């Protein structure tokens, strides 16, 4: 299994419907930066509840599309928010953002391959 992106997770969920896979992945790539920004703003406001919700949303979305690496980071941020360690969570934001960028590129390559095949 690829730690960055495993499309088989999503393919199994949608019974190999590549049209649905494309729509879900495009929505994911558009939505997660908004979630990361909302998470960032929650951490700036020291709003642990909102930070937990945003991290949880990121984690769940990643689990759905097969983004294991980003899911693990989002889980760590969520745990920090639950325990009130917002300063620790904030230090993870650059890594979270970079992990999303890597995942987004992997999804882009996958979608390109999907178009070719």
PDB file of N, CA and C in Angstrom:
ATOM      1  N   UNK A   1       0.830  -1.186   0.000  1.00  0.00           N
ATOM      2  CA  UNK A   1       0.000   0.000   0.000  1.00  0.00           C
ATOM      3  C   UNK A   1       0.876   1.250   0.000  1.00  0.00           C
ATOM      4  N   UNK A   2       0.500   2.215  -0.797  1.00  0.00           N
ATOM      5  CA  UNK A   2       1.194   3.489  -0.849  1.00  0.00           C
ATOM      6  C   UNK A   2       0.735   4.350   0.326  1.00  0.00           C
ATOM      7  N   UNK A   3       1.676   4.860   1.123  1.00  0.00           N
ATOM      8  CA  UNK A   3       1.310   5.674   2.281  1.00  0.00           C
ATOM      9  C   UNK A   3       0.725   7.010   1.880  1.00  0.00           C
ATOM     10  N   UNK A   4       1.059   7.507   0.707  1.00  0.00           N
ATOM     11  CA  UNK A   4       0.553   8.801   0.267  1.00  0.00           C
ATOM     12  C   UNK A   4      -0.861   8.663  -0.269  1.00  0.00           C
ATOM     13  N   UNK A   5      -1.057   7.734  -1.185  1.00  0.00           N
ATOM     14  CA  UNK A   5      -2.359   7.609  -1.849  1.00  0.00           C
ATOM     15  C   UNK A   5      -2.584   6.182  -2.314  1.00  0.00           C
ATOM     16  N   UNK A   6      -3.698   5.618  -1.878  1.00  0.00           N
ATOM     17  CA  UNK A   6      -4.092   4.277  -2.298  1.00  0.00           C
ATOM     18  C   UNK A   6      -5.500   4.362  -2.882  1.00  0.00           C
ATOM     19  N   UNK A   7      -5.614   4.523  -4.200  1.00  0.00           N
ATOM     20  CA  UNK A   7      -6.936   4.696  -4.809  1.00  0.00           C
ATOM     21  C   UNK A   7      -7.839   3.480  -4.672  1.00  0.00           C
ATOM     22  N   UNK A   8      -7.278   2.322  -4.371  1.00  0.00           N
ATOM     23  CA  UNK A   8      -8.096   1.122  -4.232  1.00  0.00           C
ATOM     24  C   UNK A   8      -9.150   1.274  -3.133  1.00  0.00           C
ATOM     25  N   UNK A   9      -8.824   2.051  -2.102  1.00  0.00           N
ATOM     26  CA  UNK A   9      -9.772   2.286  -1.012  1.00  0.00           C
ATOM     27  C   UNK A   9     -11.055   2.901  -1.569  1.00  0.00           C
ATOM     28  N   UNK A  10     -10.900   3.949  -2.348  1.00  0.00           N
ATOM     29  CA  UNK A  10     -12.051   4.635  -2.931  1.00  0.00           C
ATOM     30  C   UNK A  10     -12.720   3.789  -4.011  1.00  0.00           C
ATOM     31  N   UNK A  11     -11.921   3.149  -4.836  1.00  0.00           N
ATOM     32  CA  UNK A  11     -12.483   2.318  -5.905  1.00  0.00           C
ATOM     33  C   UNK A  11     -13.401   1.233  -5.350  1.00  0.00           C
ATOM     34  N   UNK A  12     -13.001   0.614  -4.257  1.00  0.00           N
ATOM     35  CA  UNK A  12     -13.831  -0.424  -3.649  1.00  0.00           C
ATOM     36  C   UNK A  12     -15.138   0.157  -3.127  1.00  0.00           C
ATOM     37  N   UNK A  13     -15.062   1.339  -2.559  1.00  0.00           N
ATOM     38  CA  UNK A  13     -16.249   1.980  -1.996  1.00  0.00           C
ATOM     39  C   UNK A  13     -17.290   2.278  -3.065  1.00  0.00           C
ATOM     40  N   UNK A  14     -16.829   2.696  -4.241  1.00  0.00           N
ATOM     41  CA  UNK A  14     -17.759   3.094  -5.312  1.00  0.00           C
ATOM     42  C   UNK A  14     -17.874   2.021  -6.399  1.00  0.00           C
ATOM     43  N   UNK A  15     -17.497   0.813  -6.060  1.00  0.00           N
ATOM     44  CA  UNK A  15     -17.616  -0.332  -6.970  1.00  0.00           C
ATOM     45  C   UNK A  15     -16.972  -0.052  -8.334  1.00  0.00           C
ATOM     46  N   UNK A  16     -15.762   0.511  -8.270  1.00  0.00           N
ATOM     47  CA  UNK A  16     -14.940   0.762  -9.460  1.00  0.00           C
ATOM     48  C   UNK A  16     -15.550   1.730 -10.465  1.00  0.00           C
ATOM     49  N   UNK A  17     -16.472   2.574 -10.035  1.00  0.00           N
ATOM     50  CA  UNK A  17     -17.061   3.575 -10.925  1.00  0.00           C
ATOM     51  C   UNK A  17     -16.076   4.745 -11.050  1.00  0.00           C
ATOM     52  N   UNK A  18     -15.349   4.769 -12.138  1.00  0.00           N
ATOM     53  CA  UNK A  18     -14.282   5.754 -12.322  1.00  0.00           C
ATOM     54  C   UNK A  18     -14.814   7.177 -12.454  1.00  0.00           C
ATOM     55  N   UNK A  19     -16.039   7.349 -12.918  1.00  0.00           N
ATOM     56  CA  UNK A  19     -16.636   8.685 -12.998  1.00  0.00           C
ATOM     57  C   UNK A  19     -16.853   9.252 -11.602  1.00  0.00           C
ATOM     58  N   UNK A  20     -17.368   8.414 -10.720  1.00  0.00           N
ATOM     59  CA  UNK A  20     -17.581   8.849  -9.336  1.00  0.00           C
ATOM     60  C   UNK A  20     -16.241   9.095  -8.648  1.00  0.00           C
ATOM     61  N   UNK A  21     -15.272   8.235  -8.894  1.00  0.00           N
ATOM     62  CA  UNK A  21     -13.932   8.417  -8.320  1.00  0.00           C
ATOM     63  C   UNK A  21     -13.380   9.779  -8.706  1.00  0.00           C
ATOM     64  N   UNK A  22     -13.482  10.118  -9.976  1.00  0.00           N
ATOM     65  CA  UNK A  22     -12.984  11.414 -10.461  1.00  0.00           C
ATOM     66  C   UNK A  22     -13.666  12.563  -9.717  1.00  0.00           C
ATOM     67  N   UNK A  23     -14.981  12.516  -9.615  1.00  0.00           N
ATOM     68  CA  UNK A  23     -15.727  13.593  -8.948  1.00  0.00           C
ATOM     69  C   UNK A  23     -15.327  13.725  -7.486  1.00  0.00           C
ATOM     70  N   UNK A  24     -15.220  12.601  -6.813  1.00  0.00           N
ATOM     71  CA  UNK A  24     -14.858  12.620  -5.392  1.00  0.00           C
ATOM     72  C   UNK A  24     -13.453  13.184  -5.209  1.00  0.00           C
ATOM     73  N   UNK A  25     -12.512  12.731  -6.021  1.00  0.00           N
ATOM     74  CA  UNK A  25     -11.128  13.196  -5.877  1.00  0.00           C
ATOM     75  C   UNK A  25     -10.997  14.685  -6.203  1.00  0.00           C
ATOM     76  N   UNK A  26     -11.699  15.150  -7.220  1.00  0.00           N
ATOM     77  CA  UNK A  26     -11.646  16.578  -7.546  1.00  0.00           C
ATOM     78  C   UNK A  26     -12.249  17.415  -6.420  1.00  0.00           C
ATOM     79  N   UNK A  27     -13.330  16.939  -5.840  1.00  0.00           N
ATOM     80  CA  UNK A  27     -13.937  17.646  -4.707  1.00  0.00           C
ATOM     81  C   UNK A  27     -12.992  17.646  -3.512  1.00  0.00           C
ATOM     82  N   UNK A  28     -12.358  16.516  -3.261  1.00  0.00           N
ATOM     83  CA  UNK A  28     -11.400  16.402  -2.161  1.00  0.00           C
ATOM     84  C   UNK A  28     -10.273  17.422  -2.319  1.00  0.00           C
ATOM     85  N   UNK A  29      -9.695  17.487  -3.508  1.00  0.00           N
ATOM     86  CA  UNK A  29      -8.560  18.390  -3.763  1.00  0.00           C
ATOM     87  C   UNK A  29      -8.980  19.859  -3.617  1.00  0.00           C
ATOM     88  N   UNK A  30     -10.222  20.160  -3.921  1.00  0.00           N
ATOM     89  CA  UNK A  30     -10.722  21.531  -3.748  1.00  0.00           C
ATOM     90  C   UNK A  30     -11.059  21.835  -2.292  1.00  0.00           C
ATOM     91  N   UNK A  31     -11.587  20.854  -1.568  1.00  0.00           N
ATOM     92  CA  UNK A  31     -12.097  21.078  -0.220  1.00  0.00           C
ATOM     93  C   UNK A  31     -11.019  21.108   0.862  1.00  0.00           C
ATOM     94  N   UNK A  32     -10.045  20.249   0.762  1.00  0.00           N
ATOM     95  CA  UNK A  32      -9.079  20.126   1.862  1.00  0.00           C
ATOM     96  C   UNK A  32      -8.304  21.423   2.127  1.00  0.00           C
ATOM     97  N   UNK A  33      -7.879  22.175   1.123  1.00  0.00           N
ATOM     98  CA  UNK A  33      -7.229  23.458   1.453  1.00  0.00           C
ATOM     99  C   UNK A  33      -8.136  24.389   2.262  1.00  0.00           C
ATOM    100  N   UNK A  34      -9.431  24.354   1.998  1.00  0.00           N
ATOM    101  CA  UNK A  34     -10.371  25.156   2.777  1.00  0.00           C
ATOM    102  C   UNK A  34     -10.434  24.663   4.215  1.00  0.00           C
ATOM    103  N   UNK A  35     -10.401  23.355   4.365  1.00  0.00           N
ATOM    104  CA  UNK A  35     -10.405  22.765   5.716  1.00  0.00           C
ATOM    105  C   UNK A  35      -9.117  23.097   6.473  1.00  0.00           C
ATOM    106  N   UNK A  36      -8.001  23.050   5.771  1.00  0.00           N
ATOM    107  CA  UNK A  36      -6.721  23.386   6.412  1.00  0.00           C
ATOM    108  C   UNK A  36      -6.722  24.851   6.839  1.00  0.00           C
ATOM    109  N   UNK A  37      -7.264  25.715   5.998  1.00  0.00           N
ATOM    110  CA  UNK A  37      -7.355  27.138   6.363  1.00  0.00           C
ATOM    111  C   UNK A  37      -8.273  27.325   7.564  1.00  0.00           C
ATOM    112  N   UNK A  38      -9.405  26.645   7.583  1.00  0.00           N
ATOM    113  CA  UNK A  38     -10.310  26.741   8.730  1.00  0.00           C
ATOM    114  C   UNK A  38      -9.641  26.213   9.998  1.00  0.00           C
ATOM    115  N   UNK A  39      -8.877  25.153   9.866  1.00  0.00           N
ATOM    116  CA  UNK A  39      -8.121  24.612  10.996  1.00  0.00           C
ATOM    117  C   UNK A  39      -7.104  25.637  11.488  1.00  0.00           C
ATOM    118  N   UNK A  40      -6.398  26.236  10.555  1.00  0.00           N
ATOM    119  CA  UNK A  40      -5.411  27.263  10.909  1.00  0.00           C
ATOM    120  C   UNK A  40      -6.068  28.403  11.674  1.00  0.00           C
ATOM    121  N   UNK A  41      -7.193  28.875  11.168  1.00  0.00           N
ATOM    122  CA  UNK A  41      -7.892  29.979  11.827  1.00  0.00           C
ATOM    123  C   UNK A  41      -8.389  29.574  13.216  1.00  0.00           C
ATOM    124  N   UNK A  42      -8.864  28.348  13.357  1.00  0.00           N
ATOM    125  CA  UNK A  42      -9.302  27.869  14.672  1.00  0.00           C
ATOM    126  C   UNK A  42      -8.133  27.841  15.653  1.00  0.00           C
ATOM    127  N   UNK A  43      -6.976  27.425  15.180  1.00  0.00           N
ATOM    128  CA  UNK A  43      -5.801  27.391  16.061  1.00  0.00           C
ATOM    129  C   UNK A  43      -5.349  28.800  16.427  1.00  0.00           C
ATOM    130  N   UNK A  44      -5.423  29.718  15.480  1.00  0.00           N
ATOM    131  CA  UNK A  44      -5.081  31.118  15.772  1.00  0.00           C
ATOM    132  C   UNK A  44      -6.007  31.680  16.849  1.00  0.00           C
ATOM    133  N   UNK A  45      -7.291  31.328  16.766  1.00  0.00           N
ATOM    134  CA  UNK A  45      -8.281  31.806  17.749  1.00  0.00           C
ATOM    135  C   UNK A  45      -8.222  31.011  19.056  1.00  0.00           C
ATOM    136  N   UNK A  46      -7.391  29.976  19.094  1.00  0.00           N
ATOM    137  CA  UNK A  46      -7.316  29.061  20.244  1.00  0.00           C
ATOM    138  C   UNK A  46      -8.672  28.408  20.500  1.00  0.00           C
ATOM    139  N   UNK A  47      -9.342  28.043  19.415  1.00  0.00           N
ATOM    140  CA  UNK A  47     -10.658  27.401  19.471  1.00  0.00           C
ATOM    141  C   UNK A  47     -10.465  25.892  19.297  1.00  0.00           C
ATOM    142  N   UNK A  48     -10.289  25.216  20.413  1.00  0.00           N
ATOM    143  CA  UNK A  48      -9.988  23.784  20.384  1.00  0.00           C
ATOM    144  C   UNK A  48     -11.134  22.980  19.767  1.00  0.00           C
ATOM    145  N   UNK A  49     -12.356  23.359  20.050  1.00  0.00           N
ATOM    146  CA  UNK A  49     -13.509  22.631  19.517  1.00  0.00           C
ATOM    147  C   UNK A  49     -13.531  22.687  17.988  1.00  0.00           C
ATOM    148  N   UNK A  50     -13.400  23.872  17.424  1.00  0.00           N
ATOM    149  CA  UNK A  50     -13.400  24.007  15.961  1.00  0.00           C
ATOM    150  C   UNK A  50     -12.185  23.336  15.340  1.00  0.00           C
ATOM    151  N   UNK A  51     -11.041  23.429  16.005  1.00  0.00           N
ATOM    152  CA  UNK A  51      -9.833  22.772  15.495  1.00  0.00           C
ATOM    153  C   UNK A  51     -10.034  21.265  15.442  1.00  0.00           C
ATOM    154  N   UNK A  52     -10.657  20.713  16.471  1.00  0.00           N
ATOM    155  CA  UNK A  52     -10.916  19.276  16.497  1.00  0.00           C
ATOM    156  C   UNK A  52     -11.849  18.878  15.358  1.00  0.00           C
ATOM    157  N   UNK A  53     -12.887  19.654  15.156  1.00  0.00           N
ATOM    158  CA  UNK A  53     -13.856  19.346  14.091  1.00  0.00           C
ATOM    159  C   UNK A  53     -13.181  19.388  12.717  1.00  0.00           C
ATOM    160  N   UNK A  54     -12.372  20.408  12.459  1.00  0.00           N
ATOM    161  CA  UNK A  54     -11.703  20.524  11.159  1.00  0.00           C
ATOM    162  C   UNK A  54     -10.700  19.385  10.954  1.00  0.00           C
ATOM    163  N   UNK A  55      -9.916  19.094  11.985  1.00  0.00           N
ATOM    164  CA  UNK A  55      -8.944  17.995  11.870  1.00  0.00           C
ATOM    165  C   UNK A  55      -9.663  16.669  11.654  1.00  0.00           C
ATOM    166  N   UNK A  56     -10.772  16.487  12.346  1.00  0.00           N
ATOM    167  CA  UNK A  56     -11.566  15.268  12.190  1.00  0.00           C
ATOM    168  C   UNK A  56     -12.120  15.163  10.760  1.00  0.00           C
ATOM    169  N   UNK A  57     -12.567  16.277  10.210  1.00  0.00           N
ATOM    170  CA  UNK A  57     -13.084  16.290   8.839  1.00  0.00           C
ATOM    171  C   UNK A  57     -11.998  15.941   7.834  1.00  0.00           C
ATOM    172  N   UNK A  58     -10.818  16.487   8.025  1.00  0.00           N
ATOM    173  CA  UNK A  58      -9.683  16.189   7.148  1.00  0.00           C
ATOM    174  C   UNK A  58      -9.342  14.702   7.248  1.00  0.00           C
ATOM    175  N   UNK A  59      -9.282  14.216   8.478  1.00  0.00           N
ATOM    176  CA  UNK A  59      -8.957  12.803   8.709  1.00  0.00           C
ATOM    177  C   UNK A  59      -9.966  11.892   8.013  1.00  0.00           C
ATOM    178  N   UNK A  60     -11.232  12.178   8.162  1.00  0.00           N
ATOM    179  CA  UNK A  60     -12.267  11.354   7.551  1.00  0.00           C
ATOM    180  C   UNK A  60     -12.231  11.385   6.033  1.00  0.00           C
ATOM    181  N   UNK A  61     -12.020  12.560   5.480  1.00  0.00           N
ATOM    182  CA  UNK A  61     -11.941  12.684   4.022  1.00  0.00           C
ATOM    183  C   UNK A  61     -10.755  11.889   3.488  1.00  0.00           C
ATOM    184  N   UNK A  62      -9.637  11.977   4.185  1.00  0.00           N
ATOM    185  CA  UNK A  62      -8.444  11.241   3.759  1.00  0.00           C
ATOM    186  C   UNK A  62      -8.664   9.741   3.836  1.00  0.00           C
ATOM    187  N   UNK A  63      -9.332   9.292   4.878  1.00  0.00           N
ATOM    188  CA  UNK A  63      -9.626   7.867   4.999  1.00  0.00           C
ATOM    189  C   UNK A  63     -10.507   7.406   3.837  1.00  0.00           C
ATOM    190  N   UNK A  64     -11.430   8.247   3.417  1.00  0.00           N
ATOM    191  CA  UNK A  64     -12.352   7.889   2.339  1.00  0.00           C
ATOM    192  C   UNK A  64     -11.677   7.767   0.986  1.00  0.00           C
ATOM    193  N   UNK A  65     -10.670   8.612   0.744  1.00  0.00           N
ATOM    194  CA  UNK A  65     -10.025   8.596  -0.579  1.00  0.00           C
ATOM    195  C   UNK A  65      -8.734   7.792  -0.614  1.00  0.00           C
ATOM    196  N   UNK A  66      -8.277   7.323   0.524  1.00  0.00           N
ATOM    197  CA  UNK A  66      -7.045   6.525   0.537  1.00  0.00           C
ATOM    198  C   UNK A  66      -5.795   7.343   0.760  1.00  0.00           C
ATOM    199  N   UNK A  67      -5.919   8.454   1.452  1.00  0.00           N
ATOM    200  CA  UNK A  67      -4.762   9.305   1.758  1.00  0.00           C
ATOM    201  C   UNK A  67      -4.243   9.030   3.157  1.00  0.00           C
ATOM    202  N   UNK A  68      -3.571   7.902   3.317  1.00  0.00           N
ATOM    203  CA  UNK A  68      -3.178   7.415   4.648  1.00  0.00           C
ATOM    204  C   UNK A  68      -2.214   8.355   5.376  1.00  0.00           C
ATOM    205  N   UNK A  69      -1.223   8.880   4.675  1.00  0.00           N
ATOM    206  CA  UNK A  69      -0.236   9.736   5.340  1.00  0.00           C
ATOM    207  C   UNK A  69      -0.861  10.994   5.923  1.00  0.00           C
ATOM    208  N   UNK A  70      -1.666  11.671   5.139  1.00  0.00           N
ATOM    209  CA  UNK A  70      -2.337  12.880   5.613  1.00  0.00           C
ATOM    210  C   UNK A  70      -3.351  12.543   6.704  1.00  0.00           C
ATOM    211  N   UNK A  71      -3.993  11.400   6.592  1.00  0.00           N
ATOM    212  CA  UNK A  71      -4.946  10.975   7.618  1.00  0.00           C
ATOM    213  C   UNK A  71      -4.271  10.839   8.981  1.00  0.00           C
ATOM    214  N   UNK A  72      -3.077  10.262   8.997  1.00  0.00           N
ATOM    215  CA  UNK A  72      -2.341  10.080  10.255  1.00  0.00           C
ATOM    216  C   UNK A  72      -1.982  11.434  10.865  1.00  0.00           C
ATOM    217  N   UNK A  73      -1.546  12.366  10.024  1.00  0.00           N
ATOM    218  CA  UNK A  73      -1.230  13.710  10.535  1.00  0.00           C
ATOM    219  C   UNK A  73      -2.472  14.401  11.079  1.00  0.00           C
ATOM    220  N   UNK A  74      -3.585  14.299  10.362  1.00  0.00           N
ATOM    221  CA  UNK A  74      -4.824  14.923  10.821  1.00  0.00           C
ATOM    222  C   UNK A  74      -5.276  14.315  12.141  1.00  0.00           C
ATOM    223  N   UNK A  75      -5.080  13.016  12.296  1.00  0.00           N
ATOM    224  CA  UNK A  75      -5.405  12.356  13.560  1.00  0.00           C
ATOM    225  C   UNK A  75      -4.560  12.932  14.692  1.00  0.00           C
ATOM    226  N   UNK A  76      -3.284  13.163  14.447  1.00  0.00           N
ATOM    227  CA  UNK A  76      -2.410  13.740  15.469  1.00  0.00           C
ATOM    228  C   UNK A  76      -2.873  15.137  15.861  1.00  0.00           C
ATOM    229  N   UNK A  77      -3.250  15.932  14.866  1.00  0.00           N
ATOM    230  CA  UNK A  77      -3.746  17.282  15.145  1.00  0.00           C
ATOM    231  C   UNK A  77      -5.049  17.199  15.928  1.00  0.00           C
ATOM    232  N   UNK A  78      -5.921  16.281  15.531  1.00  0.00           N
ATOM    233  CA  UNK A  78      -7.192  16.110  16.243  1.00  0.00           C
ATOM    234  C   UNK A  78      -6.941  15.752  17.712  1.00  0.00           C
ATOM    235  N   UNK A  79      -6.036  14.834  17.954  1.00  0.00           N
ATOM    236  CA  UNK A  79      -5.728  14.433  19.339  1.00  0.00           C
ATOM    237  C   UNK A  79      -5.187  15.612  20.144  1.00  0.00           C
ATOM    238  N   UNK A  80      -4.352  16.419  19.517  1.00  0.00           N
ATOM    239  CA  UNK A  80      -3.836  17.609  20.205  1.00  0.00           C
ATOM    240  C   UNK A  80      -4.972  18.569  20.551  1.00  0.00           C
ATOM    241  N   UNK A  81      -5.904  18.745  19.644  1.00  0.00           N
ATOM    242  CA  UNK A  81      -7.039  19.640  19.905  1.00  0.00           C
ATOM    243  C   UNK A  81      -7.897  19.098  21.050  1.00  0.00           C
ATOM    244  N   UNK A  82      -8.089  17.792  21.070  1.00  0.00           N
ATOM    245  CA  UNK A  82      -8.897  17.176  22.122  1.00  0.00           C
ATOM    246  C   UNK A  82      -8.251  17.398  23.488  1.00  0.00           C
ATOM    247  N   UNK A  83      -6.930  17.317  23.539  1.00  0.00           N
ATOM    248  CA  UNK A  83      -6.213  17.466  24.811  1.00  0.00           C
ATOM    249  C   UNK A  83      -5.810  18.906  25.107  1.00  0.00           C
ATOM    250  N   UNK A  84      -6.206  19.825  24.231  1.00  0.00           N
ATOM    251  CA  UNK A  84      -5.909  21.241  24.474  1.00  0.00           C
ATOM    252  C   UNK A  84      -4.497  21.666  24.135  1.00  0.00           C
ATOM    253  N   UNK A  85      -3.765  20.819  23.418  1.00  0.00           N
ATOM    254  CA  UNK A  85      -2.386  21.150  23.040  1.00  0.00           C
ATOM    255  C   UNK A  85      -2.382  21.881  21.689  1.00  0.00           C
ATOM    256  N   UNK A  86      -3.001  23.033  21.665  1.00  0.00           N
ATOM    257  CA  UNK A  86      -3.153  23.762  20.409  1.00  0.00           C
ATOM    258  C   UNK A  86      -1.825  24.269  19.880  1.00  0.00           C
ATOM    259  N   UNK A  87      -0.896  24.578  20.781  1.00  0.00           N
ATOM    260  CA  UNK A  87       0.425  25.028  20.337  1.00  0.00           C
ATOM    261  C   UNK A  87       1.149  23.900  19.594  1.00  0.00           C
ATOM    262  N   UNK A  88       0.999  22.678  20.064  1.00  0.00           N
ATOM    263  CA  UNK A  88       1.604  21.526  19.384  1.00  0.00           C
ATOM    264  C   UNK A  88       0.912  21.305  18.043  1.00  0.00           C
ATOM    265  N   UNK A  89      -0.407  21.392  18.051  1.00  0.00           N
ATOM    266  CA  UNK A  89      -1.156  21.233  16.806  1.00  0.00           C
ATOM    267  C   UNK A  89      -0.708  22.264  15.771  1.00  0.00           C
ATOM    268  N   UNK A  90      -0.504  23.478  16.196  1.00  0.00           N
ATOM    269  CA  UNK A  90      -0.092  24.547  15.277  1.00  0.00           C
ATOM    270  C   UNK A  90       1.265  24.250  14.648  1.00  0.00           C
ATOM    271  N   UNK A  91       2.145  23.603  15.381  1.00  0.00           N
ATOM    272  CA  UNK A  91       3.461  23.280  14.817  1.00  0.00           C
ATOM    273  C   UNK A  91       3.360  22.220  13.723  1.00  0.00           C
ATOM    274  N   UNK A  92       2.251  21.501  13.679  1.00  0.00           N
ATOM    275  CA  UNK A  92       2.061  20.451  12.670  1.00  0.00           C
ATOM    276  C   UNK A  92       1.481  20.986  11.360  1.00  0.00           C
ATOM    277  N   UNK A  93       1.025  22.234  11.358  1.00  0.00           N
ATOM    278  CA  UNK A  93       0.366  22.761  10.157  1.00  0.00           C
ATOM    279  C   UNK A  93       1.245  22.754   8.909  1.00  0.00           C
ATOM    280  N   UNK A  94       2.520  23.154   9.002  1.00  0.00           N
ATOM    281  CA  UNK A  94       3.333  23.091   7.775  1.00  0.00           C
ATOM    282  C   UNK A  94       3.447  21.674   7.222  1.00  0.00           C
ATOM    283  N   UNK A  95       3.620  20.700   8.100  1.00  0.00           N
ATOM    284  CA  UNK A  95       3.716  19.310   7.656  1.00  0.00           C
ATOM    285  C   UNK A  95       2.376  18.834   7.084  1.00  0.00           C
ATOM    286  N   UNK A  96       1.286  19.259   7.703  1.00  0.00           N
ATOM    287  CA  UNK A  96      -0.040  18.905   7.202  1.00  0.00           C
ATOM    288  C   UNK A  96      -0.248  19.469   5.796  1.00  0.00           C
ATOM    289  N   UNK A  97       0.131  20.720   5.616  1.00  0.00           N
ATOM    290  CA  UNK A  97      -0.008  21.369   4.309  1.00  0.00           C
ATOM    291  C   UNK A  97       0.866  20.686   3.268  1.00  0.00           C
ATOM    292  N   UNK A  98       2.106  20.393   3.618  1.00  0.00           N
ATOM    293  CA  UNK A  98       3.001  19.729   2.672  1.00  0.00           C
ATOM    294  C   UNK A  98       2.497  18.327   2.333  1.00  0.00           C
ATOM    295  N   UNK A  99       1.988  17.630   3.329  1.00  0.00           N
ATOM    296  CA  UNK A  99       1.448  16.292   3.091  1.00  0.00           C
ATOM    297  C   UNK A  99       0.255  16.368   2.135  1.00  0.00           C
ATOM    298  N   UNK A 100      -0.583  17.391   2.303  1.00  0.00           N
ATOM    299  CA  UNK A 100      -1.686  17.565   1.355  1.00  0.00           C
ATOM    300  C   UNK A 100      -1.154  17.830  -0.044  1.00  0.00           C
ATOM    301  N   UNK A 101      -0.141  18.679  -0.158  1.00  0.00           N
ATOM    302  CA  UNK A 101       0.418  18.985  -1.479  1.00  0.00           C
ATOM    303  C   UNK A 101       0.945  17.731  -2.171  1.00  0.00           C
ATOM    304  N   UNK A 102       1.624  16.893  -1.418  1.00  0.00           N
ATOM    305  CA  UNK A 102       2.136  15.630  -1.968  1.00  0.00           C
ATOM    306  C   UNK A 102       0.971  14.738  -2.397  1.00  0.00           C
ATOM    307  N   UNK A 103      -0.045  14.638  -1.555  1.00  0.00           N
ATOM    308  CA  UNK A 103      -1.222  13.836  -1.878  1.00  0.00           C
ATOM    309  C   UNK A 103      -1.937  14.394  -3.105  1.00  0.00           C
ATOM    310  N   UNK A 104      -2.072  15.690  -3.167  1.00  0.00           N
ATOM    311  CA  UNK A 104      -2.747  16.330  -4.300  1.00  0.00           C
ATOM    312  C   UNK A 104      -2.025  16.028  -5.618  1.00  0.00           C
ATOM    313  N   UNK A 105      -0.698  16.070  -5.581  1.00  0.00           N
ATOM    314  CA  UNK A 105       0.071  15.727  -6.795  1.00  0.00           C
ATOM    315  C   UNK A 105      -0.131  14.264  -7.170  1.00  0.00           C
ATOM    316  N   UNK A 106      -0.154  13.384  -6.174  1.00  0.00           N
ATOM    317  CA  UNK A 106      -0.377  11.959  -6.448  1.00  0.00           C
ATOM    318  C   UNK A 106      -1.771  11.739  -7.034  1.00  0.00           C
ATOM    319  N   UNK A 107      -2.748  12.441  -6.516  1.00  0.00           N
ATOM    320  CA  UNK A 107      -4.104  12.342  -7.064  1.00  0.00           C
ATOM    321  C   UNK A 107      -4.130  12.865  -8.491  1.00  0.00           C
ATOM    322  N   UNK A 108      -3.448  13.959  -8.739  1.00  0.00           N
ATOM    323  CA  UNK A 108      -3.375  14.504 -10.097  1.00  0.00           C
ATOM    324  C   UNK A 108      -2.790  13.505 -11.083  1.00  0.00           C
ATOM    325  N   UNK A 109      -1.700  12.840 -10.671  1.00  0.00           N
ATOM    326  CA  UNK A 109      -1.095  11.823 -11.544  1.00  0.00           C
ATOM    327  C   UNK A 109      -2.063  10.663 -11.769  1.00  0.00           C
ATOM    328  N   UNK A 110      -2.745  10.269 -10.718  1.00  0.00           N
ATOM    329  CA  UNK A 110      -3.715   9.180 -10.839  1.00  0.00           C
ATOM    330  C   UNK A 110      -4.837   9.563 -11.810  1.00  0.00           C
ATOM    331  N   UNK A 111      -5.344  10.776 -11.688  1.00  0.00           N
ATOM    332  CA  UNK A 111      -6.415  11.224 -12.581  1.00  0.00           C
ATOM    333  C   UNK A 111      -5.929  11.314 -14.022  1.00  0.00           C
ATOM    334  N   UNK A 112      -4.682  11.740 -14.206  1.00  0.00           N
ATOM    335  CA  UNK A 112      -4.102  11.747 -15.559  1.00  0.00           C
ATOM    336  C   UNK A 112      -4.050  10.343 -16.129  1.00  0.00           C
ATOM    337  N   UNK A 113      -3.613   9.385 -15.301  1.00  0.00           N
ATOM    338  CA  UNK A 113      -3.548   7.993 -15.743  1.00  0.00           C
ATOM    339  C   UNK A 113      -4.953   7.448 -16.033  1.00  0.00           C
ATOM    340  N   UNK A 114      -5.919   7.867 -15.239  1.00  0.00           N
ATOM    341  CA  UNK A 114      -7.298   7.432 -15.440  1.00  0.00           C
ATOM    342  C   UNK A 114      -7.797   7.907 -16.801  1.00  0.00           C
ATOM    343  N   UNK A 115      -7.409   9.133 -17.165  1.00  0.00           N
ATOM    344  CA  UNK A 115      -7.796   9.681 -18.470  1.00  0.00           C
ATOM    345  C   UNK A 115      -7.143   8.912 -19.613  1.00  0.00           C
ATOM    346  N   UNK A 116      -5.914   8.440 -19.392  1.00  0.00           N
ATOM    347  CA  UNK A 116      -5.177   7.719 -20.414  1.00  0.00           C
ATOM    348  C   UNK A 116      -5.707   6.302 -20.612  1.00  0.00           C
ATOM    349  N   UNK A 117      -6.222   5.719 -19.507  1.00  0.00           N
ATOM    350  CA  UNK A 117      -6.602   4.314 -19.552  1.00  0.00           C
ATOM    351  C   UNK A 117      -8.035   4.136 -19.815  1.00  0.00           C
TER     352      UNK A 117
END
